Amino acid sequence: MSSRPVDLSTRVGALLLPNPVMTASGTAGLGAELAAYFDLAALGAHVVKSLAAYPWPGNGPPRVAGRPGYMLNSVGLAGPGIAAWLDEELPALERCGARVVASVWGRSVDDYARAGELLSGAPACVVAVEVNVSCPNVEERHALFGASPGATARAVEAVAACGRPVWAKLSPNVADLVAVAEAAAQAGAQAVTLVNTAFGMAIDPQTRRFALGAGGGGVSGRALHPIAVRAVHDVHGALPELAIVGVGGVFTAEDAVELLLAGASAVQVGTATFVDPRAAFRLVGELERWCAARAVRRVAELVGAGGG
């Protein structure tokens, strides 16, 4: 193994991060919950649970169902609203020295605009805003914002008032993901996060009832990984100048490297955190050792270098 240090720094749009490992929205809490397990400043960034401009109760229970190789969830974007988060949760993250990515969602373009306005006065520790477009658009008969390039663009544009780099978190449940990603970029997104959960459902054979209170839900975990790799590869191939954050089934350094090779500049750790709260922190060290063992001097060398 080489004794020379590995440069783990990476760039996501205008944002330079010390390493490419982040938490994933919805899996690491609203604030500094994970600080009990590791130093949050050691991550490239800490992505918090998606927030609306207003409090939202989410779906009824059960909200989560575990299965071999994957997890289903239908939490329904429950949260206290951005104003409460700024007052009650963000100060602890700021004290930790975390680089915070705020995730926002809405049911209308006005909701996204209000979210951007509320975040415009956030402290400097909020380094980017991730726009979750995998939510119903009540102005277009409840179709997901992310199902339409036009609706995605309007949501991204609406958040611009936040005054920070904007990323768009996209759903794999669309006919043409490249078109949606291109629309997000043209609307001002400096990066796209690929991917959100895939549609799924489970029925308990014993009770014959849905495993989740809402019926269907989102599939995450290892089963999502090949879907994420394909999405990253396709978008990077079509839009090589657009930064990508890869997410889906990242449990090991090799999982992360696979997404980097497909074209991601950074990765997010989600479901693995439910198994091990230190998963994202552990991955930083594992990735450094993986690179050192293979004489990879800069993690940026891996971005888009796979396939063929």
C-alpha atoms as a PDB file:
ATOM      1  CA  MET A   1       0.000   0.000   0.000  1.00  0.00           C
ATOM      2  CA  SER A   2       1.276   3.476  -0.883  1.00  0.00           C
ATOM      3  CA  SER A   3       2.156   5.791   2.006  1.00  0.00           C
ATOM      4  CA  ARG A   4       1.381   8.863  -0.053  1.00  0.00           C
ATOM      5  CA  PRO A   5      -1.813  10.645   1.005  1.00  0.00           C
ATOM      6  CA  VAL A   6      -4.929  10.417  -1.137  1.00  0.00           C
ATOM      7  CA  ASP A   7      -6.620  13.645  -2.155  1.00  0.00           C
ATOM      8  CA  LEU A   8     -10.290  12.971  -1.441  1.00  0.00           C
ATOM      9  CA  SER A   9     -11.490  16.454  -2.340  1.00  0.00           C
ATOM     10  CA  THR A  10     -14.173  16.790  -4.978  1.00  0.00           C
ATOM     11  CA  ARG A  11     -16.164  19.517  -6.635  1.00  0.00           C
ATOM     12  CA  VAL A  12     -19.946  19.503  -6.983  1.00  0.00           C
ATOM     13  CA  GLY A  13     -20.757  22.480  -9.157  1.00  0.00           C
ATOM     14  CA  ALA A  14     -19.241  25.532  -7.464  1.00  0.00           C
ATOM     15  CA  LEU A  15     -18.901  23.720  -4.156  1.00  0.00           C
ATOM     16  CA  LEU A  16     -15.533  22.230  -3.182  1.00  0.00           C
ATOM     17  CA  LEU A  17     -15.863  19.467  -0.590  1.00  0.00           C
ATOM     18  CA  PRO A  18     -13.061  17.813   1.400  1.00  0.00           C
ATOM     19  CA  ASN A  19     -14.320  14.358   0.456  1.00  0.00           C
ATOM     20  CA  PRO A  20     -17.153  12.917  -1.660  1.00  0.00           C
ATOM     21  CA  VAL A  21     -19.187  11.275   1.128  1.00  0.00           C
ATOM     22  CA  MET A  22     -22.482  12.725   2.358  1.00  0.00           C
ATOM     23  CA  THR A  23     -25.505  11.512   4.225  1.00  0.00           C
ATOM     24  CA  ALA A  24     -28.704  11.112   2.211  1.00  0.00           C
ATOM     25  CA  SER A  25     -31.837  13.105   2.873  1.00  0.00           C
ATOM     26  CA  GLY A  26     -34.365  11.352   5.076  1.00  0.00           C
ATOM     27  CA  THR A  27     -31.861   8.966   6.643  1.00  0.00           C
ATOM     28  CA  ALA A  28     -29.808  11.162   8.969  1.00  0.00           C
ATOM     29  CA  GLY A  29     -32.410  13.202  10.807  1.00  0.00           C
ATOM     30  CA  LEU A  30     -33.159  16.904  10.854  1.00  0.00           C
ATOM     31  CA  GLY A  31     -30.238  18.036  12.960  1.00  0.00           C
ATOM     32  CA  ALA A  32     -27.165  16.730  14.730  1.00  0.00           C
ATOM     33  CA  GLU A  33     -28.553  13.323  15.723  1.00  0.00           C
ATOM     34  CA  LEU A  34     -25.557  11.514  14.224  1.00  0.00           C
ATOM     35  CA  ALA A  35     -23.062  13.708  16.102  1.00  0.00           C
ATOM     36  CA  ALA A  36     -23.366  11.217  18.947  1.00  0.00           C
ATOM     37  CA  TYR A  37     -21.558   8.691  16.722  1.00  0.00           C
ATOM     38  CA  PHE A  38     -18.942  10.707  14.809  1.00  0.00           C
ATOM     39  CA  ASP A  39     -17.732  14.186  13.905  1.00  0.00           C
ATOM     40  CA  LEU A  40     -20.155  15.498  11.288  1.00  0.00           C
ATOM     41  CA  ALA A  41     -17.483  17.885  10.006  1.00  0.00           C
ATOM     42  CA  ALA A  42     -15.559  14.825   8.793  1.00  0.00           C
ATOM     43  CA  LEU A  43     -18.095  14.267   6.008  1.00  0.00           C
ATOM     44  CA  GLY A  44     -18.118  16.067   2.711  1.00  0.00           C
ATOM     45  CA  ALA A  45     -21.590  17.329   3.646  1.00  0.00           C
ATOM     46  CA  HIS A  46     -24.563  16.473   5.829  1.00  0.00           C
ATOM     47  CA  VAL A  47     -27.881  16.367   3.966  1.00  0.00           C
ATOM     48  CA  VAL A  48     -30.898  16.770   6.210  1.00  0.00           C
ATOM     49  CA  LYS A  49     -34.407  15.410   5.876  1.00  0.00           C
ATOM     50  CA  SER A  50     -36.562  17.128   3.227  1.00  0.00           C
ATOM     51  CA  LEU A  51     -38.454  20.131   4.584  1.00  0.00           C
ATOM     52  CA  ALA A  52     -41.410  22.092   3.311  1.00  0.00           C
ATOM     53  CA  ALA A  53     -42.118  25.758   3.914  1.00  0.00           C
ATOM     54  CA  TYR A  54     -44.722  24.612   6.449  1.00  0.00           C
ATOM     55  CA  PRO A  55     -45.152  21.773   8.966  1.00  0.00           C
ATOM     56  CA  TRP A  56     -46.358  18.532   7.403  1.00  0.00           C
ATOM     57  CA  PRO A  57     -47.603  15.431   9.258  1.00  0.00           C
ATOM     58  CA  GLY A  58     -46.656  12.824   6.673  1.00  0.00           C
ATOM     59  CA  ASN A  59     -48.339   9.455   6.241  1.00  0.00           C
ATOM     60  CA  GLY A  60     -49.901   7.171   8.807  1.00  0.00           C
ATOM     61  CA  PRO A  61     -48.128   4.096  10.175  1.00  0.00           C
ATOM     62  CA  PRO A  62     -46.593   1.741   9.435  1.00  0.00           C
ATOM     63  CA  ARG A  63     -44.126   3.936   7.559  1.00  0.00           C
ATOM     64  CA  VAL A  64     -41.142   1.614   7.131  1.00  0.00           C
ATOM     65  CA  ALA A  65     -40.803  -2.058   6.213  1.00  0.00           C
ATOM     66  CA  GLY A  66     -37.525  -3.945   6.048  1.00  0.00           C
ATOM     67  CA  ARG A  67     -36.978  -6.795   3.604  1.00  0.00           C
ATOM     68  CA  PRO A  68     -33.876  -8.825   2.646  1.00  0.00           C
ATOM     69  CA  GLY A  69     -31.793  -6.573   0.390  1.00  0.00           C
ATOM     70  CA  TYR A  70     -33.991  -3.506   0.519  1.00  0.00           C
ATOM     71  CA  MET A  71     -36.188  -1.235   2.584  1.00  0.00           C
ATOM     72  CA  LEU A  72     -39.589   0.259   1.818  1.00  0.00           C
ATOM     73  CA  ASN A  73     -40.665   3.567   3.256  1.00  0.00           C
ATOM     74  CA  SER A  74     -43.679   5.819   3.036  1.00  0.00           C
ATOM     75  CA  VAL A  75     -42.904   8.457   5.640  1.00  0.00           C
ATOM     76  CA  GLY A  76     -44.637  11.057   3.508  1.00  0.00           C
ATOM     77  CA  LEU A  77     -42.107  13.869   3.981  1.00  0.00           C
ATOM     78  CA  ALA A  78     -43.150  14.551   7.573  1.00  0.00           C
ATOM     79  CA  GLY A  79     -41.375  17.527   9.102  1.00  0.00           C
ATOM     80  CA  PRO A  80     -41.652  20.663  11.237  1.00  0.00           C
ATOM     81  CA  GLY A  81     -41.236  23.174   8.413  1.00  0.00           C
ATOM     82  CA  ILE A  82     -38.206  25.249   7.475  1.00  0.00           C
ATOM     83  CA  ALA A  83     -38.726  28.074   9.979  1.00  0.00           C
ATOM     84  CA  ALA A  84     -38.823  25.662  12.925  1.00  0.00           C
ATOM     85  CA  TRP A  85     -35.814  23.778  11.546  1.00  0.00           C
ATOM     86  CA  LEU A  86     -33.786  26.987  11.276  1.00  0.00           C
ATOM     87  CA  ASP A  87     -34.562  27.841  14.900  1.00  0.00           C
ATOM     88  CA  GLU A  88     -34.476  24.425  16.539  1.00  0.00           C
ATOM     89  CA  GLU A  89     -32.208  22.079  14.580  1.00  0.00           C
ATOM     90  CA  LEU A  90     -29.709  24.022  12.488  1.00  0.00           C
ATOM     91  CA  PRO A  91     -27.854  25.702  15.413  1.00  0.00           C
ATOM     92  CA  ALA A  92     -26.562  22.328  16.633  1.00  0.00           C
ATOM     93  CA  LEU A  93     -25.304  21.483  13.139  1.00  0.00           C
ATOM     94  CA  GLU A  94     -23.575  24.850  12.938  1.00  0.00           C
ATOM     95  CA  ARG A  95     -21.829  24.216  16.259  1.00  0.00           C
ATOM     96  CA  CYS A  96     -20.623  20.847  14.938  1.00  0.00           C
ATOM     97  CA  GLY A  97     -18.934  22.501  11.984  1.00  0.00           C
ATOM     98  CA  ALA A  98     -21.012  20.475   9.527  1.00  0.00           C
ATOM     99  CA  ARG A  99     -21.387  21.555   5.924  1.00  0.00           C
ATOM    100  CA  VAL A 100     -25.160  21.368   5.629  1.00  0.00           C
ATOM    101  CA  VAL A 101     -27.229  20.691   2.519  1.00  0.00           C
ATOM    102  CA  ALA A 102     -30.853  21.642   3.114  1.00  0.00           C
ATOM    103  CA  SER A 103     -33.361  19.489   1.249  1.00  0.00           C
ATOM    104  CA  VAL A 104     -36.680  21.076   0.319  1.00  0.00           C
ATOM    105  CA  TRP A 105     -39.952  19.896  -1.183  1.00  0.00           C
ATOM    106  CA  GLY A 106     -43.305  21.386  -2.089  1.00  0.00           C
ATOM    107  CA  ARG A 107     -46.715  20.676  -3.530  1.00  0.00           C
ATOM    108  CA  SER A 108     -46.713  23.753  -5.777  1.00  0.00           C
ATOM    109  CA  VAL A 109     -44.198  26.101  -7.364  1.00  0.00           C
ATOM    110  CA  ASP A 110     -45.141  28.698  -4.758  1.00  0.00           C
ATOM    111  CA  ASP A 111     -44.201  26.209  -2.029  1.00  0.00           C
ATOM    112  CA  TYR A 112     -40.705  25.869  -3.502  1.00  0.00           C
ATOM    113  CA  ALA A 113     -40.391  29.633  -3.862  1.00  0.00           C
ATOM    114  CA  ARG A 114     -41.310  30.115  -0.212  1.00  0.00           C
ATOM    115  CA  ALA A 115     -38.772  27.471   0.794  1.00  0.00           C
ATOM    116  CA  GLY A 116     -36.053  29.321  -1.086  1.00  0.00           C
ATOM    117  CA  GLU A 117     -37.006  32.598   0.555  1.00  0.00           C
ATOM    118  CA  LEU A 118     -36.955  31.077   4.040  1.00  0.00           C
ATOM    119  CA  LEU A 119     -33.462  29.689   3.459  1.00  0.00           C
ATOM    120  CA  SER A 120     -32.074  32.947   2.074  1.00  0.00           C
ATOM    121  CA  GLY A 121     -31.179  34.114   5.584  1.00  0.00           C
ATOM    122  CA  ALA A 122     -29.682  30.813   6.754  1.00  0.00           C
ATOM    123  CA  PRO A 123     -26.148  30.865   8.169  1.00  0.00           C
ATOM    124  CA  ALA A 124     -23.131  30.102   6.004  1.00  0.00           C
ATOM    125  CA  CYS A 125     -22.996  26.484   7.190  1.00  0.00           C
ATOM    126  CA  VAL A 126     -25.858  25.804   4.737  1.00  0.00           C
ATOM    127  CA  VAL A 127     -23.710  25.323   1.645  1.00  0.00           C
ATOM    128  CA  ALA A 128     -26.316  24.105  -0.865  1.00  0.00           C
ATOM    129  CA  VAL A 129     -30.012  23.402  -1.292  1.00  0.00           C
ATOM    130  CA  GLU A 130     -31.201  20.104  -2.708  1.00  0.00           C
ATOM    131  CA  VAL A 131     -34.588  20.353  -4.415  1.00  0.00           C
ATOM    132  CA  ASN A 132     -36.565  17.160  -3.946  1.00  0.00           C
ATOM    133  CA  VAL A 133     -38.914  16.940  -6.936  1.00  0.00           C
ATOM    134  CA  SER A 134     -40.197  13.459  -6.114  1.00  0.00           C
ATOM    135  CA  CYS A 135     -43.400  14.787  -4.610  1.00  0.00           C
ATOM    136  CA  PRO A 136     -46.931  15.394  -5.927  1.00  0.00           C
ATOM    137  CA  ASN A 137     -47.595  18.550  -7.907  1.00  0.00           C
ATOM    138  CA  VAL A 138     -51.116  19.585  -6.938  1.00  0.00           C
ATOM    139  CA  GLU A 139     -51.157  22.065  -9.820  1.00  0.00           C
ATOM    140  CA  GLU A 140     -50.745  19.217 -12.322  1.00  0.00           C
ATOM    141  CA  ARG A 141     -53.181  16.612 -10.958  1.00  0.00           C
ATOM    142  CA  HIS A 142     -50.742  15.181  -8.426  1.00  0.00           C
ATOM    143  CA  ALA A 143     -48.148  13.962 -10.943  1.00  0.00           C
ATOM    144  CA  LEU A 144     -44.643  14.108  -9.511  1.00  0.00           C
ATOM    145  CA  PHE A 145     -42.772  17.317 -10.256  1.00  0.00           C
ATOM    146  CA  GLY A 146     -39.857  15.137 -11.309  1.00  0.00           C
ATOM    147  CA  ALA A 147     -41.934  13.312 -13.918  1.00  0.00           C
ATOM    148  CA  SER A 148     -41.954  16.409 -16.119  1.00  0.00           C
ATOM    149  CA  PRO A 149     -38.956  18.379 -17.404  1.00  0.00           C
ATOM    150  CA  GLY A 150     -41.039  21.557 -17.337  1.00  0.00           C
ATOM    151  CA  ALA A 151     -42.326  21.084 -13.782  1.00  0.00           C
ATOM    152  CA  THR A 152     -38.838  20.185 -12.586  1.00  0.00           C
ATOM    153  CA  ALA A 153     -37.431  23.343 -14.151  1.00  0.00           C
ATOM    154  CA  ARG A 154     -40.079  25.499 -12.496  1.00  0.00           C
ATOM    155  CA  ALA A 155     -39.355  23.999  -9.076  1.00  0.00           C
ATOM    156  CA  VAL A 156     -35.610  24.546  -9.467  1.00  0.00           C
ATOM    157  CA  GLU A 157     -36.052  28.120 -10.658  1.00  0.00           C
ATOM    158  CA  ALA A 158     -38.397  28.860  -7.759  1.00  0.00           C
ATOM    159  CA  VAL A 159     -35.767  27.983  -5.148  1.00  0.00           C
ATOM    160  CA  ALA A 160     -33.161  30.381  -6.571  1.00  0.00           C
ATOM    161  CA  ALA A 161     -33.929  32.956  -3.873  1.00  0.00           C
ATOM    162  CA  CYS A 162     -32.005  30.777  -1.396  1.00  0.00           C
ATOM    163  CA  GLY A 163     -28.801  32.379  -2.716  1.00  0.00           C
ATOM    164  CA  ARG A 164     -26.872  29.089  -2.639  1.00  0.00           C
ATOM    165  CA  PRO A 165     -25.959  26.380  -5.136  1.00  0.00           C
ATOM    166  CA  VAL A 166     -29.077  24.406  -6.050  1.00  0.00           C
ATOM    167  CA  TRP A 167     -29.099  20.683  -6.714  1.00  0.00           C
ATOM    168  CA  ALA A 168     -32.083  18.724  -8.039  1.00  0.00           C
ATOM    169  CA  LYS A 169     -32.814  15.300  -6.557  1.00  0.00           C
ATOM    170  CA  LEU A 170     -34.457  13.280  -9.299  1.00  0.00           C
ATOM    171  CA  SER A 171     -36.686  10.230  -9.357  1.00  0.00           C
ATOM    172  CA  PRO A 172     -35.840   7.109 -11.372  1.00  0.00           C
ATOM    173  CA  ASN A 173     -39.566   6.615 -11.979  1.00  0.00           C
ATOM    174  CA  VAL A 174     -39.621   8.606 -15.217  1.00  0.00           C
ATOM    175  CA  ALA A 175     -39.637   7.872 -18.930  1.00  0.00           C
ATOM    176  CA  ASP A 176     -36.642  10.091 -19.825  1.00  0.00           C
ATOM    177  CA  LEU A 177     -34.336  10.882 -16.906  1.00  0.00           C
ATOM    178  CA  VAL A 178     -31.803  12.632 -19.130  1.00  0.00           C
ATOM    179  CA  ALA A 179     -34.433  15.104 -20.311  1.00  0.00           C
ATOM    180  CA  VAL A 180     -35.439  15.885 -16.727  1.00  0.00           C
ATOM    181  CA  ALA A 181     -31.793  16.326 -15.689  1.00  0.00           C
ATOM    182  CA  GLU A 182     -31.152  18.629 -18.642  1.00  0.00           C
ATOM    183  CA  ALA A 183     -34.195  20.729 -17.747  1.00  0.00           C
ATOM    184  CA  ALA A 184     -32.969  21.018 -14.158  1.00  0.00           C
ATOM    185  CA  ALA A 185     -29.540  22.149 -15.340  1.00  0.00           C
ATOM    186  CA  GLN A 186     -30.976  24.713 -17.731  1.00  0.00           C
ATOM    187  CA  ALA A 187     -33.111  26.052 -14.878  1.00  0.00           C
ATOM    188  CA  GLY A 188     -30.020  26.677 -12.767  1.00  0.00           C
ATOM    189  CA  ALA A 189     -29.245  23.439 -10.944  1.00  0.00           C
ATOM    190  CA  GLN A 190     -25.494  23.054 -10.494  1.00  0.00           C
ATOM    191  CA  ALA A 191     -25.890  19.329  -9.864  1.00  0.00           C
ATOM    192  CA  VAL A 192     -28.408  16.518  -9.887  1.00  0.00           C
ATOM    193  CA  THR A 193     -28.725  13.887  -7.175  1.00  0.00           C
ATOM    194  CA  LEU A 194     -29.397  10.455  -8.676  1.00  0.00           C
ATOM    195  CA  VAL A 195     -31.549   8.775  -7.562  1.00  0.00           C
ATOM    196  CA  ASN A 196     -34.446   9.016  -5.187  1.00  0.00           C
ATOM    197  CA  THR A 197     -36.321   5.852  -4.234  1.00  0.00           C
ATOM    198  CA  ALA A 198     -38.004   3.629  -6.818  1.00  0.00           C
ATOM    199  CA  PHE A 199     -41.704   2.813  -6.618  1.00  0.00           C
ATOM    200  CA  GLY A 200     -42.404  -0.396  -4.729  1.00  0.00           C
ATOM    201  CA  MET A 201     -44.923  -2.291  -2.644  1.00  0.00           C
ATOM    202  CA  ALA A 202     -45.044  -5.201  -0.226  1.00  0.00           C
ATOM    203  CA  ILE A 203     -47.971  -7.313   0.980  1.00  0.00           C
ATOM    204  CA  ASP A 204     -47.755  -9.458   4.111  1.00  0.00           C
ATOM    205  CA  PRO A 205     -48.718 -13.012   3.056  1.00  0.00           C
ATOM    206  CA  GLN A 206     -49.926 -13.807   6.587  1.00  0.00           C
ATOM    207  CA  THR A 207     -52.232 -10.830   7.099  1.00  0.00           C
ATOM    208  CA  ARG A 208     -52.807 -10.152   3.378  1.00  0.00           C
ATOM    209  CA  ARG A 209     -52.438  -6.461   4.164  1.00  0.00           C
ATOM    210  CA  PHE A 210     -50.043  -3.853   2.790  1.00  0.00           C
ATOM    211  CA  ALA A 211     -46.780  -3.697   4.709  1.00  0.00           C
ATOM    212  CA  LEU A 212     -47.022   0.112   4.670  1.00  0.00           C
ATOM    213  CA  GLY A 213     -49.926   2.194   5.859  1.00  0.00           C
ATOM    214  CA  ALA A 214     -50.016   4.128   2.593  1.00  0.00           C
ATOM    215  CA  GLY A 215     -49.949   0.996   0.464  1.00  0.00           C
ATOM    216  CA  GLY A 216     -47.006   1.637  -1.834  1.00  0.00           C
ATOM    217  CA  GLY A 217     -43.738   3.290  -0.964  1.00  0.00           C
ATOM    218  CA  GLY A 218     -40.162   3.893  -2.011  1.00  0.00           C
ATOM    219  CA  VAL A 219     -37.512   1.185  -2.414  1.00  0.00           C
ATOM    220  CA  SER A 220     -34.056   1.976  -1.053  1.00  0.00           C
ATOM    221  CA  GLY A 221     -31.008  -0.047  -0.066  1.00  0.00           C
ATOM    222  CA  ARG A 222     -28.962  -2.536  -2.048  1.00  0.00           C
ATOM    223  CA  ALA A 223     -31.756  -3.261  -4.517  1.00  0.00           C
ATOM    224  CA  LEU A 224     -31.631   0.365  -5.659  1.00  0.00           C
ATOM    225  CA  HIS A 225     -27.896   0.375  -6.359  1.00  0.00           C
ATOM    226  CA  PRO A 226     -27.825  -0.897  -9.978  1.00  0.00           C
ATOM    227  CA  ILE A 227     -30.659   1.493 -10.832  1.00  0.00           C
ATOM    228  CA  ALA A 228     -28.613   4.378  -9.454  1.00  0.00           C
ATOM    229  CA  VAL A 229     -25.479   3.287 -11.326  1.00  0.00           C
ATOM    230  CA  ARG A 230     -27.398   3.154 -14.608  1.00  0.00           C
ATOM    231  CA  ALA A 231     -28.998   6.552 -13.986  1.00  0.00           C
ATOM    232  CA  VAL A 232     -25.650   8.178 -13.180  1.00  0.00           C
ATOM    233  CA  HIS A 233     -24.006   6.584 -16.222  1.00  0.00           C
ATOM    234  CA  ASP A 234     -26.741   7.686 -18.619  1.00  0.00           C
ATOM    235  CA  VAL A 235     -26.964  11.260 -17.363  1.00  0.00           C
ATOM    236  CA  HIS A 236     -23.187  11.684 -17.233  1.00  0.00           C
ATOM    237  CA  GLY A 237     -22.857  10.335 -20.746  1.00  0.00           C
ATOM    238  CA  ALA A 238     -25.437  12.758 -22.096  1.00  0.00           C
ATOM    239  CA  LEU A 239     -24.526  15.755 -19.917  1.00  0.00           C
ATOM    240  CA  PRO A 240     -20.831  15.395 -19.014  1.00  0.00           C
ATOM    241  CA  GLU A 241     -20.518  18.963 -17.690  1.00  0.00           C
ATOM    242  CA  LEU A 242     -23.318  18.505 -15.152  1.00  0.00           C
ATOM    243  CA  ALA A 243     -22.172  17.479 -11.679  1.00  0.00           C
ATOM    244  CA  ILE A 244     -23.838  14.380 -10.252  1.00  0.00           C
ATOM    245  CA  VAL A 245     -24.273  13.152  -6.699  1.00  0.00           C
ATOM    246  CA  GLY A 246     -24.879   9.397  -6.734  1.00  0.00           C
ATOM    247  CA  VAL A 247     -27.128   7.758  -4.157  1.00  0.00           C
ATOM    248  CA  GLY A 248     -28.644   4.321  -3.843  1.00  0.00           C
ATOM    249  CA  GLY A 249     -27.388   1.262  -2.015  1.00  0.00           C
ATOM    250  CA  VAL A 250     -24.019   2.662  -0.930  1.00  0.00           C
ATOM    251  CA  PHE A 251     -22.748   0.400   1.858  1.00  0.00           C
ATOM    252  CA  THR A 252     -19.073  -0.092   0.979  1.00  0.00           C
ATOM    253  CA  ALA A 253     -16.172   1.739  -0.645  1.00  0.00           C
ATOM    254  CA  GLU A 254     -16.670  -0.334  -3.786  1.00  0.00           C
ATOM    255  CA  ASP A 255     -20.322   0.735  -3.957  1.00  0.00           C
ATOM    256  CA  ALA A 256     -19.182   4.359  -3.810  1.00  0.00           C
ATOM    257  CA  VAL A 257     -16.419   3.829  -6.379  1.00  0.00           C
ATOM    258  CA  GLU A 258     -18.897   2.222  -8.763  1.00  0.00           C
ATOM    259  CA  LEU A 259     -21.020   5.385  -8.718  1.00  0.00           C
ATOM    260  CA  LEU A 260     -17.925   7.564  -9.138  1.00  0.00           C
ATOM    261  CA  LEU A 261     -16.780   5.496 -12.124  1.00  0.00           C
ATOM    262  CA  ALA A 262     -20.246   5.879 -13.643  1.00  0.00           C
ATOM    263  CA  GLY A 263     -19.883   9.678 -13.473  1.00  0.00           C
ATOM    264  CA  ALA A 264     -20.778  10.879  -9.968  1.00  0.00           C
ATOM    265  CA  SER A 265     -18.548  13.445  -8.281  1.00  0.00           C
ATOM    266  CA  ALA A 266     -19.858  12.553  -4.821  1.00  0.00           C
ATOM    267  CA  VAL A 267     -22.063   9.955  -3.154  1.00  0.00           C
ATOM    268  CA  GLN A 268     -24.672   9.862  -0.423  1.00  0.00           C
ATOM    269  CA  VAL A 269     -25.127   7.146   2.191  1.00  0.00           C
ATOM    270  CA  GLY A 270     -28.740   6.456   3.106  1.00  0.00           C
ATOM    271  CA  THR A 271     -30.198   3.116   4.136  1.00  0.00           C
ATOM    272  CA  ALA A 272     -26.814   1.921   5.446  1.00  0.00           C
ATOM    273  CA  THR A 273     -27.141   4.535   8.201  1.00  0.00           C
ATOM    274  CA  PHE A 274     -30.138   2.673   9.616  1.00  0.00           C
ATOM    275  CA  VAL A 275     -27.941  -0.422   9.923  1.00  0.00           C
ATOM    276  CA  ASP A 276     -24.905   1.450  11.262  1.00  0.00           C
ATOM    277  CA  PRO A 277     -25.164   5.118  12.309  1.00  0.00           C
ATOM    278  CA  ARG A 278     -21.421   5.473  11.588  1.00  0.00           C
ATOM    279  CA  ALA A 279     -21.766   4.191   8.013  1.00  0.00           C
ATOM    280  CA  ALA A 280     -21.019   7.464   6.222  1.00  0.00           C
ATOM    281  CA  PHE A 281     -18.067   8.259   8.484  1.00  0.00           C
ATOM    282  CA  ARG A 282     -16.700   4.728   8.074  1.00  0.00           C
ATOM    283  CA  LEU A 283     -16.985   5.035   4.306  1.00  0.00           C
ATOM    284  CA  VAL A 284     -14.657   8.055   4.215  1.00  0.00           C
ATOM    285  CA  GLY A 285     -11.834   5.966   5.688  1.00  0.00           C
ATOM    286  CA  GLU A 286     -12.658   2.934   3.582  1.00  0.00           C
ATOM    287  CA  LEU A 287     -12.616   4.984   0.403  1.00  0.00           C
ATOM    288  CA  GLU A 288      -9.253   6.500   1.278  1.00  0.00           C
ATOM    289  CA  ARG A 289      -7.777   3.045   1.925  1.00  0.00           C
ATOM    290  CA  TRP A 290      -9.303   1.664  -1.273  1.00  0.00           C
ATOM    291  CA  CYS A 291      -7.685   4.421  -3.312  1.00  0.00           C
ATOM    292  CA  ALA A 292      -4.318   4.143  -1.550  1.00  0.00           C
ATOM    293  CA  ALA A 293      -4.175   0.386  -2.140  1.00  0.00           C
ATOM    294  CA  ARG A 294      -4.612   0.978  -5.877  1.00  0.00           C
ATOM    295  CA  ALA A 295      -2.336   4.006  -6.211  1.00  0.00           C
ATOM    296  CA  VAL A 296      -5.257   6.319  -6.913  1.00  0.00           C
ATOM    297  CA  ARG A 297      -3.827   9.687  -5.833  1.00  0.00           C
ATOM    298  CA  ARG A 298      -6.948  11.771  -6.347  1.00  0.00           C
ATOM    299  CA  VAL A 299     -10.502  10.549  -5.986  1.00  0.00           C
ATOM    300  CA  ALA A 300     -11.447  12.926  -8.808  1.00  0.00           C
ATOM    301  CA  GLU A 301      -9.517  10.619 -11.168  1.00  0.00           C
ATOM    302  CA  LEU A 302     -12.284   8.059 -10.763  1.00  0.00           C
ATOM    303  CA  VAL A 303     -15.153  10.286 -11.873  1.00  0.00           C
ATOM    304  CA  GLY A 304     -16.556   8.969 -15.162  1.00  0.00           C
ATOM    305  CA  ALA A 305     -13.605   6.617 -15.671  1.00  0.00           C
ATOM    306  CA  GLY A 306     -15.624   3.389 -15.762  1.00  0.00           C
ATOM    307  CA  GLY A 307     -17.494   1.450 -18.412  1.00  0.00           C
ATOM    308  CA  GLY A 308     -16.320   0.912 -21.929  1.00  0.00           C
END
